[in-house]
C-alpha atoms as a PDB file:
ATOM      1  CA  MET A   1     -11.910  -2.277   9.926  1.00  0.00           C
ATOM      2  CA  SER A   2     -15.237  -3.375   8.571  1.00  0.00           C
ATOM      3  CA  TYR A   3     -16.920  -6.687   8.075  1.00  0.00           C
ATOM      4  CA  MET A   4     -19.493  -8.613   6.044  1.00  0.00           C
ATOM      5  CA  LEU A   5     -20.240 -11.780   7.980  1.00  0.00           C
ATOM      6  CA  GLN A   6     -22.823 -12.969   5.432  1.00  0.00           C
ATOM      7  CA  GLY A   7     -20.631 -12.098   2.432  1.00  0.00           C
ATOM      8  CA  GLY A   8     -22.073 -10.705  -0.734  1.00  0.00           C
ATOM      9  CA  PRO A   9     -21.666 -10.307  -4.521  1.00  0.00           C
ATOM     10  CA  ALA A  10     -19.194  -8.026  -6.255  1.00  0.00           C
ATOM     11  CA  ALA A  11     -19.132  -6.981  -9.908  1.00  0.00           C
ATOM     12  CA  SER A  12     -15.352  -6.566 -10.032  1.00  0.00           C
ATOM     13  CA  ASN A  13     -12.293  -7.173  -7.917  1.00  0.00           C
ATOM     14  CA  THR A  14     -10.407  -4.462  -9.820  1.00  0.00           C
ATOM     15  CA  ASP A  15     -12.960  -1.702 -10.602  1.00  0.00           C
ATOM     16  CA  PRO A  16     -14.613  -0.064  -7.588  1.00  0.00           C
ATOM     17  CA  PHE A  17     -17.197   1.624  -9.850  1.00  0.00           C
ATOM     18  CA  ALA A  18     -18.334  -1.489 -11.781  1.00  0.00           C
ATOM     19  CA  MET A  19     -22.112  -1.872 -11.601  1.00  0.00           C
ATOM     20  CA  GLU A  20     -22.108  -5.286 -13.271  1.00  0.00           C
ATOM     21  CA  PRO A  21     -19.481  -7.864 -14.279  1.00  0.00           C
ATOM     22  CA  PRO A  22     -17.693  -7.505 -17.619  1.00  0.00           C
ATOM     23  CA  GLU A  23     -19.508  -9.176 -20.536  1.00  0.00           C
ATOM     24  CA  GLY A  24     -19.171 -12.925 -20.290  1.00  0.00           C
ATOM     25  CA  ALA A  25     -18.028 -12.870 -16.675  1.00  0.00           C
ATOM     26  CA  ASP A  26     -19.964 -13.934 -13.591  1.00  0.00           C
ATOM     27  CA  TRP A  27     -20.516 -12.013 -10.382  1.00  0.00           C
ATOM     28  CA  LEU A  28     -17.844 -12.629  -7.792  1.00  0.00           C
ATOM     29  CA  TRP A  29     -19.054 -13.981  -4.497  1.00  0.00           C
ATOM     30  CA  ASP A  30     -17.137 -12.936  -1.384  1.00  0.00           C
ATOM     31  CA  GLY A  31     -17.940 -15.192   1.540  1.00  0.00           C
ATOM     32  CA  PRO A  32     -17.840 -13.920   5.114  1.00  0.00           C
ATOM     33  CA  HIS A  33     -14.885 -11.526   5.491  1.00  0.00           C
ATOM     34  CA  ILE A  34     -13.257  -8.700   7.368  1.00  0.00           C
ATOM     35  CA  MET A  35     -12.065  -5.626   5.409  1.00  0.00           C
ATOM     36  CA  VAL A  36      -8.983  -3.754   6.520  1.00  0.00           C
ATOM     37  CA  ILE A  37      -8.670  -0.220   5.249  1.00  0.00           C
ATOM     38  CA  ALA A  38      -5.415   1.756   5.584  1.00  0.00           C
ATOM     39  CA  PRO A  39      -4.514   5.391   4.944  1.00  0.00           C
ATOM     40  CA  ASP A  40      -1.817   4.237   2.486  1.00  0.00           C
ATOM     41  CA  PRO A  41      -2.934   1.452   0.119  1.00  0.00           C
ATOM     42  CA  ALA A  42       0.766   0.652  -0.510  1.00  0.00           C
ATOM     43  CA  MET A  43       0.646  -1.128   2.866  1.00  0.00           C
ATOM     44  CA  PHE A  44      -1.059  -3.981   1.018  1.00  0.00           C
ATOM     45  CA  ASP A  45       1.570  -4.397  -1.701  1.00  0.00           C
ATOM     46  CA  ALA A  46       2.808  -7.721  -0.219  1.00  0.00           C
ATOM     47  CA  PHE A  47      -0.608  -9.352  -0.545  1.00  0.00           C
ATOM     48  CA  PRO A  48      -1.990 -11.082  -3.650  1.00  0.00           C
ATOM     49  CA  THR A  49      -4.860  -9.570  -5.655  1.00  0.00           C
ATOM     50  CA  GLU A  50      -6.473 -12.882  -6.698  1.00  0.00           C
ATOM     51  CA  HIS A  51     -10.015 -13.328  -5.467  1.00  0.00           C
ATOM     52  CA  GLY A  52     -10.630 -16.839  -4.154  1.00  0.00           C
ATOM     53  CA  ALA A  53      -6.949 -17.668  -3.591  1.00  0.00           C
ATOM     54  CA  GLY A  54      -7.838 -19.048  -0.154  1.00  0.00           C
ATOM     55  CA  GLY A  55      -6.468 -16.284   2.036  1.00  0.00           C
ATOM     56  CA  PRO A  56      -6.272 -12.541   2.381  1.00  0.00           C
ATOM     57  CA  TYR A  57      -6.144 -10.569  -0.845  1.00  0.00           C
ATOM     58  CA  VAL A  58      -6.321  -6.931  -1.997  1.00  0.00           C
ATOM     59  CA  MET A  59      -9.551  -5.763  -3.593  1.00  0.00           C
ATOM     60  CA  TRP A  60      -9.415  -2.751  -5.920  1.00  0.00           C
ATOM     61  CA  ALA A  61      -5.615  -2.689  -5.827  1.00  0.00           C
ATOM     62  CA  GLY A  62      -4.027   0.381  -7.389  1.00  0.00           C
ATOM     63  CA  THR A  63      -6.995   2.630  -6.526  1.00  0.00           C
ATOM     64  CA  PRO A  64      -7.614   4.906  -3.512  1.00  0.00           C
ATOM     65  CA  TYR A  65     -10.287   2.333  -2.520  1.00  0.00           C
ATOM     66  CA  ALA A  66      -7.882  -0.595  -2.085  1.00  0.00           C
ATOM     67  CA  HIS A  67      -8.487  -2.666   0.959  1.00  0.00           C
ATOM     68  CA  LEU A  68      -7.474  -6.029   2.353  1.00  0.00           C
ATOM     69  CA  MET A  69     -10.132  -8.754   2.279  1.00  0.00           C
ATOM     70  CA  VAL A  70      -9.623 -11.321   5.021  1.00  0.00           C
ATOM     71  CA  PRO A  71     -11.864 -14.393   4.714  1.00  0.00           C
ATOM     72  CA  THR A  72     -13.327 -15.582   8.017  1.00  0.00           C
ATOM     73  CA  THR A  73     -14.139 -19.088   6.743  1.00  0.00           C
ATOM     74  CA  VAL A  74     -12.401 -21.571   4.460  1.00  0.00           C
ATOM     75  CA  GLU A  75     -14.428 -22.431   1.325  1.00  0.00           C
END
């Protein structure tokens, strides 16, 4: 487990190596959250991958860097 209680920007919810958002897209803002990392990313298959859906979601799904993002506040 890891956490970012001040949140922070992300270039991409799907590409762990993105240094900036795709052309025409804005930076994503992840509010305060807990990150759950598992040895087998398939453990997260039941969770959505949509950023900002209002609950836990998988960031970087389909990569070895997939992890569950669990918001700690409601936006």
